[in-house]
């Protein structure tokens, strides 16, 4: 397991190193969302991943959070 640090309101492109990547939202309150997008454009729609949930993807995706100045998320790479 690895980790990524996301800075507040900064879309970050994540590219799976294997066939897929799983990122867990380890924040604890309902208003702490991990957001996922294919385009990374702040004004467009983002999928929200609630606290305790995870997102699995097999192609490059943008991740962003808007709750903390920076926050570290656990990452699982699967071959």
C-alpha atoms as a PDB file:
ATOM      1  CA  UNK A   1       0.000   0.000   0.000  1.00  0.00           C
ATOM      2  CA  UNK A   2       1.168   3.495  -0.829  1.00  0.00           C
ATOM      3  CA  UNK A   3      -0.218   6.986  -0.296  1.00  0.00           C
ATOM      4  CA  UNK A   4      -0.848  10.259  -2.101  1.00  0.00           C
ATOM      5  CA  UNK A   5      -1.051  13.781  -0.719  1.00  0.00           C
ATOM      6  CA  UNK A   6      -3.692  16.047  -2.238  1.00  0.00           C
ATOM      7  CA  UNK A   7      -3.568  19.792  -1.683  1.00  0.00           C
ATOM      8  CA  UNK A   8      -6.805  21.732  -1.220  1.00  0.00           C
ATOM      9  CA  UNK A   9      -8.622  22.543  -4.504  1.00  0.00           C
ATOM     10  CA  UNK A  10      -5.737  21.304  -6.700  1.00  0.00           C
ATOM     11  CA  UNK A  11      -6.727  18.631  -9.278  1.00  0.00           C
ATOM     12  CA  UNK A  12      -4.008  15.957  -9.380  1.00  0.00           C
ATOM     13  CA  UNK A  13      -3.678  13.482 -12.255  1.00  0.00           C
ATOM     14  CA  UNK A  14      -3.234   9.913 -11.021  1.00  0.00           C
ATOM     15  CA  UNK A  15      -2.089   7.181 -13.403  1.00  0.00           C
ATOM     16  CA  UNK A  16      -2.339   3.567 -12.221  1.00  0.00           C
ATOM     17  CA  UNK A  17       1.046   1.839 -12.259  1.00  0.00           C
ATOM     18  CA  UNK A  18      -0.582  -1.582 -12.686  1.00  0.00           C
ATOM     19  CA  UNK A  19      -3.882  -2.514 -14.269  1.00  0.00           C
ATOM     20  CA  UNK A  20      -5.898  -0.635 -11.643  1.00  0.00           C
ATOM     21  CA  UNK A  21      -5.571   1.649  -8.627  1.00  0.00           C
ATOM     22  CA  UNK A  22      -7.744   1.941  -5.525  1.00  0.00           C
ATOM     23  CA  UNK A  23      -7.792   5.136  -3.458  1.00  0.00           C
ATOM     24  CA  UNK A  24      -9.673   5.244  -0.145  1.00  0.00           C
ATOM     25  CA  UNK A  25     -11.214   8.388   1.330  1.00  0.00           C
ATOM     26  CA  UNK A  26      -9.891   8.119   4.887  1.00  0.00           C
ATOM     27  CA  UNK A  27     -11.429  11.432   5.995  1.00  0.00           C
ATOM     28  CA  UNK A  28     -14.067  10.983   8.684  1.00  0.00           C
ATOM     29  CA  UNK A  29     -16.970  13.433   8.283  1.00  0.00           C
ATOM     30  CA  UNK A  30     -19.723  13.588   5.644  1.00  0.00           C
ATOM     31  CA  UNK A  31     -18.595  16.956   4.301  1.00  0.00           C
ATOM     32  CA  UNK A  32     -15.046  15.633   3.627  1.00  0.00           C
ATOM     33  CA  UNK A  33     -15.297  14.422   0.047  1.00  0.00           C
ATOM     34  CA  UNK A  34     -12.655  12.921  -2.214  1.00  0.00           C
ATOM     35  CA  UNK A  35     -13.566  14.021  -5.746  1.00  0.00           C
ATOM     36  CA  UNK A  36     -12.805  12.211  -9.018  1.00  0.00           C
ATOM     37  CA  UNK A  37     -12.912  13.514 -12.613  1.00  0.00           C
ATOM     38  CA  UNK A  38     -11.748  12.456 -16.071  1.00  0.00           C
ATOM     39  CA  UNK A  39     -11.053  16.049 -17.165  1.00  0.00           C
ATOM     40  CA  UNK A  40      -9.718  17.724 -14.020  1.00  0.00           C
ATOM     41  CA  UNK A  41     -11.610  20.936 -14.810  1.00  0.00           C
ATOM     42  CA  UNK A  42     -12.804  22.546 -11.582  1.00  0.00           C
ATOM     43  CA  UNK A  43     -16.014  23.971 -13.119  1.00  0.00           C
ATOM     44  CA  UNK A  44     -17.130  20.588 -14.522  1.00  0.00           C
ATOM     45  CA  UNK A  45     -18.863  17.725 -12.711  1.00  0.00           C
ATOM     46  CA  UNK A  46     -16.858  15.629 -10.243  1.00  0.00           C
ATOM     47  CA  UNK A  47     -17.854  12.279  -8.739  1.00  0.00           C
ATOM     48  CA  UNK A  48     -17.795  12.444  -4.940  1.00  0.00           C
ATOM     49  CA  UNK A  49     -16.385   9.607  -2.836  1.00  0.00           C
ATOM     50  CA  UNK A  50     -17.644   9.811   0.740  1.00  0.00           C
ATOM     51  CA  UNK A  51     -15.617   9.139   3.890  1.00  0.00           C
ATOM     52  CA  UNK A  52     -14.677   5.491   4.312  1.00  0.00           C
ATOM     53  CA  UNK A  53     -15.477   4.694   0.662  1.00  0.00           C
ATOM     54  CA  UNK A  54     -12.975   3.984  -2.097  1.00  0.00           C
ATOM     55  CA  UNK A  55     -12.669   4.562  -5.823  1.00  0.00           C
ATOM     56  CA  UNK A  56     -11.132   2.023  -8.209  1.00  0.00           C
ATOM     57  CA  UNK A  57      -9.928   3.042 -11.676  1.00  0.00           C
ATOM     58  CA  UNK A  58      -7.834   1.565 -14.480  1.00  0.00           C
ATOM     59  CA  UNK A  59      -7.106   4.687 -16.534  1.00  0.00           C
ATOM     60  CA  UNK A  60      -5.702   8.126 -15.617  1.00  0.00           C
ATOM     61  CA  UNK A  61      -8.077  10.133 -13.401  1.00  0.00           C
ATOM     62  CA  UNK A  62      -7.918  13.451 -11.588  1.00  0.00           C
ATOM     63  CA  UNK A  63      -8.397  13.445  -7.813  1.00  0.00           C
ATOM     64  CA  UNK A  64      -9.082  16.489  -5.652  1.00  0.00           C
ATOM     65  CA  UNK A  65     -10.139  17.348  -2.101  1.00  0.00           C
ATOM     66  CA  UNK A  66     -11.400  20.647  -0.737  1.00  0.00           C
ATOM     67  CA  UNK A  67     -11.518  20.088   3.020  1.00  0.00           C
ATOM     68  CA  UNK A  68      -7.921  20.334   4.252  1.00  0.00           C
ATOM     69  CA  UNK A  69      -4.866  22.358   3.203  1.00  0.00           C
ATOM     70  CA  UNK A  70      -3.327  18.969   2.399  1.00  0.00           C
ATOM     71  CA  UNK A  71      -4.499  15.447   3.174  1.00  0.00           C
ATOM     72  CA  UNK A  72      -2.866  12.016   2.752  1.00  0.00           C
ATOM     73  CA  UNK A  73      -4.950   9.223   1.233  1.00  0.00           C
ATOM     74  CA  UNK A  74      -4.122   5.486   1.226  1.00  0.00           C
ATOM     75  CA  UNK A  75      -3.555   3.971  -2.244  1.00  0.00           C
ATOM     76  CA  UNK A  76      -3.583   0.334  -3.272  1.00  0.00           C
ATOM     77  CA  UNK A  77      -2.065  -0.601  -6.653  1.00  0.00           C
ATOM     78  CA  UNK A  78      -3.241  -3.891  -8.082  1.00  0.00           C
ATOM     79  CA  UNK A  79      -1.304  -5.679 -10.805  1.00  0.00           C
END
